[in-house]
């Protein structure tokens, strides 16, 4: 069930970006916010990497995709980024996440998360990502509607 909901939300983010070019994907939601669809895709690549690879898989020294100094906000700045680059990074991280999740002996596997300063289970990580995608997919709904009027699931 967790895998199904997580994949649903991953697919929803991709769907919200379908048919848009780089300039449209970089378009900010509404001033003063700089949030964009491309920024959301980049952010979710960082989120997937952080929770599955850096936390569950204990790849602690793995840097973020878009920040050498661990600044999670750097992913939101899509300037200079393209659809091809952002989606390739995101899809690569999703595939890593899927492999890690499938290789785990159970959803009760735990690992230390430095940001929260506690051990977290794979189950909690999957629930957290479902929450993260759901929240950002709500943002994506509004951004997409502002770009070309497209609404709906």
Protein backbone atom coordinates (compact mmCIF):
# COMPACT_ATOMS: atom_id res chain seq x y z
CA UNK A 1 0.00 0.00 0.00
CA UNK A 2 2.81 2.42 0.90
CA UNK A 3 4.63 1.69 -2.35
CA UNK A 4 1.41 2.21 -4.31
CA UNK A 5 0.66 5.60 -2.73
CA UNK A 6 4.26 6.76 -3.07
CA UNK A 7 4.35 5.79 -6.75
CA UNK A 8 0.96 7.48 -7.28
CA UNK A 9 2.34 10.75 -5.94
CA UNK A 10 5.55 10.43 -7.94
CA UNK A 11 3.46 9.94 -11.08
CA UNK A 12 1.25 12.89 -10.16
CA UNK A 13 4.24 15.24 -10.00
CA UNK A 14 5.40 14.03 -13.40
CA UNK A 15 1.90 14.47 -14.82
CA UNK A 16 1.71 18.07 -13.56
CA UNK A 17 4.80 18.80 -15.65
CA UNK A 18 3.74 17.00 -18.84
CA UNK A 19 3.79 18.99 -22.04
CA UNK A 20 5.65 21.99 -20.61
CA UNK A 21 8.96 23.35 -21.83
CA UNK A 22 11.88 24.61 -19.78
CA UNK A 23 10.65 28.19 -19.56
CA UNK A 24 7.18 27.15 -18.40
CA UNK A 25 8.63 24.72 -15.86
CA UNK A 26 10.84 27.52 -14.48
CA UNK A 27 7.92 29.95 -14.15
CA UNK A 28 7.39 31.06 -10.56
CA UNK A 29 4.10 30.34 -8.84
CA UNK A 30 3.15 33.84 -7.80
CA UNK A 31 5.26 36.72 -6.51
CA UNK A 32 6.97 36.93 -4.16
CA UNK A 33 7.31 33.12 -4.23
CA UNK A 34 9.97 31.71 -6.54
CA UNK A 35 8.50 28.20 -6.36
CA UNK A 36 8.27 26.51 -9.76
CA UNK A 37 7.47 23.07 -11.14
CA UNK A 38 11.10 22.52 -12.10
CA UNK A 39 12.14 23.58 -8.59
CA UNK A 40 9.72 21.05 -7.12
CA UNK A 41 11.15 18.24 -9.27
CA UNK A 42 14.66 19.19 -8.21
CA UNK A 43 13.59 19.39 -4.55
CA UNK A 44 11.99 15.95 -4.67
CA UNK A 45 15.20 14.49 -6.13
CA UNK A 46 16.98 15.82 -3.03
CA UNK A 47 14.26 14.44 -0.74
CA UNK A 48 14.43 10.97 -2.32
CA UNK A 49 18.24 11.00 -2.10
CA UNK A 50 18.29 12.17 1.49
CA UNK A 51 15.76 9.76 2.94
CA UNK A 52 16.50 6.61 0.99
CA UNK A 53 20.20 6.80 0.15
CA UNK A 54 21.68 9.02 2.87
CA UNK A 55 19.44 7.77 5.69
CA UNK A 56 18.16 4.23 5.03
CA UNK A 57 21.13 3.11 2.91
CA UNK A 58 23.62 4.94 5.20
CA UNK A 59 25.36 6.76 2.33
CA UNK A 60 26.10 9.58 4.77
CA UNK A 61 28.85 11.22 2.71
CA UNK A 62 26.74 11.40 -0.43
CA UNK A 63 26.33 15.10 -1.28
CA UNK A 64 23.07 16.69 -2.28
CA UNK A 65 22.46 16.94 -6.02
CA UNK A 66 22.36 20.75 -6.24
CA UNK A 67 24.21 21.91 -3.15
CA UNK A 68 27.75 21.28 -2.00
CA UNK A 69 27.04 22.78 1.42
CA UNK A 70 23.79 20.95 2.23
CA UNK A 71 21.42 23.81 1.40
CA UNK A 72 18.10 22.15 0.59
CA UNK A 73 16.71 25.46 -0.70
CA UNK A 74 19.24 25.43 -3.57
CA UNK A 75 17.09 22.86 -5.37
CA UNK A 76 14.23 25.34 -5.63
CA UNK A 77 16.26 27.68 -7.87
CA UNK A 78 15.72 26.29 -11.38
CA UNK A 79 17.73 28.96 -13.22
CA UNK A 80 20.19 27.33 -15.55
CA UNK A 81 18.50 23.95 -15.12
CA UNK A 82 16.56 22.14 -17.81
CA UNK A 83 13.71 19.70 -17.82
CA UNK A 84 16.09 17.02 -19.07
CA UNK A 85 18.60 17.57 -16.25
CA UNK A 86 16.05 17.85 -13.45
CA UNK A 87 13.96 14.88 -14.53
CA UNK A 88 17.02 12.70 -15.13
CA UNK A 89 18.28 13.41 -11.60
CA UNK A 90 14.84 12.90 -10.07
CA UNK A 91 14.17 9.65 -11.93
CA UNK A 92 17.63 8.35 -11.00
CA UNK A 93 16.92 9.03 -7.32
CA UNK A 94 13.48 7.42 -7.55
CA UNK A 95 15.06 4.28 -9.01
CA UNK A 96 17.65 4.20 -6.20
CA UNK A 97 14.82 4.61 -3.68
CA UNK A 98 12.85 1.75 -5.20
CA UNK A 99 15.88 -0.57 -5.15
CA UNK A 100 16.63 0.28 -1.52
CA UNK A 101 13.02 -0.20 -0.47
CA UNK A 102 12.70 -3.54 -2.27
CA UNK A 103 16.01 -4.82 -0.89
CA UNK A 104 15.05 -4.10 2.71
CA UNK A 105 14.18 -7.12 4.79
CA UNK A 106 11.12 -5.33 6.16
CA UNK A 107 9.52 -1.93 6.59
CA UNK A 108 10.75 -2.02 10.18
CA UNK A 109 14.39 -1.61 9.16
CA UNK A 110 15.74 1.45 10.95
CA UNK A 111 18.53 3.91 10.32
CA UNK A 112 19.78 7.06 11.98
CA UNK A 113 18.58 10.40 10.59
CA UNK A 114 20.92 13.21 11.64
CA UNK A 115 18.44 15.99 10.88
CA UNK A 116 15.88 14.50 13.27
CA UNK A 117 18.59 13.09 15.56
CA UNK A 118 16.89 9.73 15.89
CA UNK A 119 16.44 6.36 14.26
CA UNK A 120 13.68 6.15 11.68
CA UNK A 121 12.09 3.12 10.05
CA UNK A 122 11.70 2.54 6.34
CA UNK A 123 7.94 2.62 6.98
CA UNK A 124 8.24 6.12 8.46
CA UNK A 125 10.43 7.25 5.54
CA UNK A 126 7.85 6.06 3.03
CA UNK A 127 5.04 7.77 4.96
CA UNK A 128 7.11 10.95 5.14
CA UNK A 129 7.71 10.91 1.38
CA UNK A 130 4.01 10.35 0.69
CA UNK A 131 3.31 13.42 2.85
CA UNK A 132 6.06 15.44 1.15
CA UNK A 133 4.85 14.58 -2.36
CA UNK A 134 1.19 15.19 -1.46
CA UNK A 135 2.00 18.64 -0.07
CA UNK A 136 4.12 19.60 -3.06
CA UNK A 137 1.64 18.15 -5.53
CA UNK A 138 -0.85 20.64 -4.11
CA UNK A 139 1.65 23.37 -4.94
CA UNK A 140 2.10 21.84 -8.39
CA UNK A 141 -1.67 21.99 -8.98
CA UNK A 142 -1.69 25.73 -8.40
CA UNK A 143 1.47 26.40 -10.38
CA UNK A 144 0.24 24.40 -13.37
CA UNK A 145 -3.12 26.15 -13.34
CA UNK A 146 -1.35 29.52 -13.36
CA UNK A 147 0.78 28.46 -16.35
CA UNK A 148 -1.89 27.23 -18.74
CA UNK A 149 -5.15 26.68 -16.89
CA UNK A 150 -4.73 22.90 -16.60
CA UNK A 151 -6.44 21.54 -13.49
CA UNK A 152 -7.30 18.12 -12.10
CA UNK A 153 -5.61 14.99 -10.95
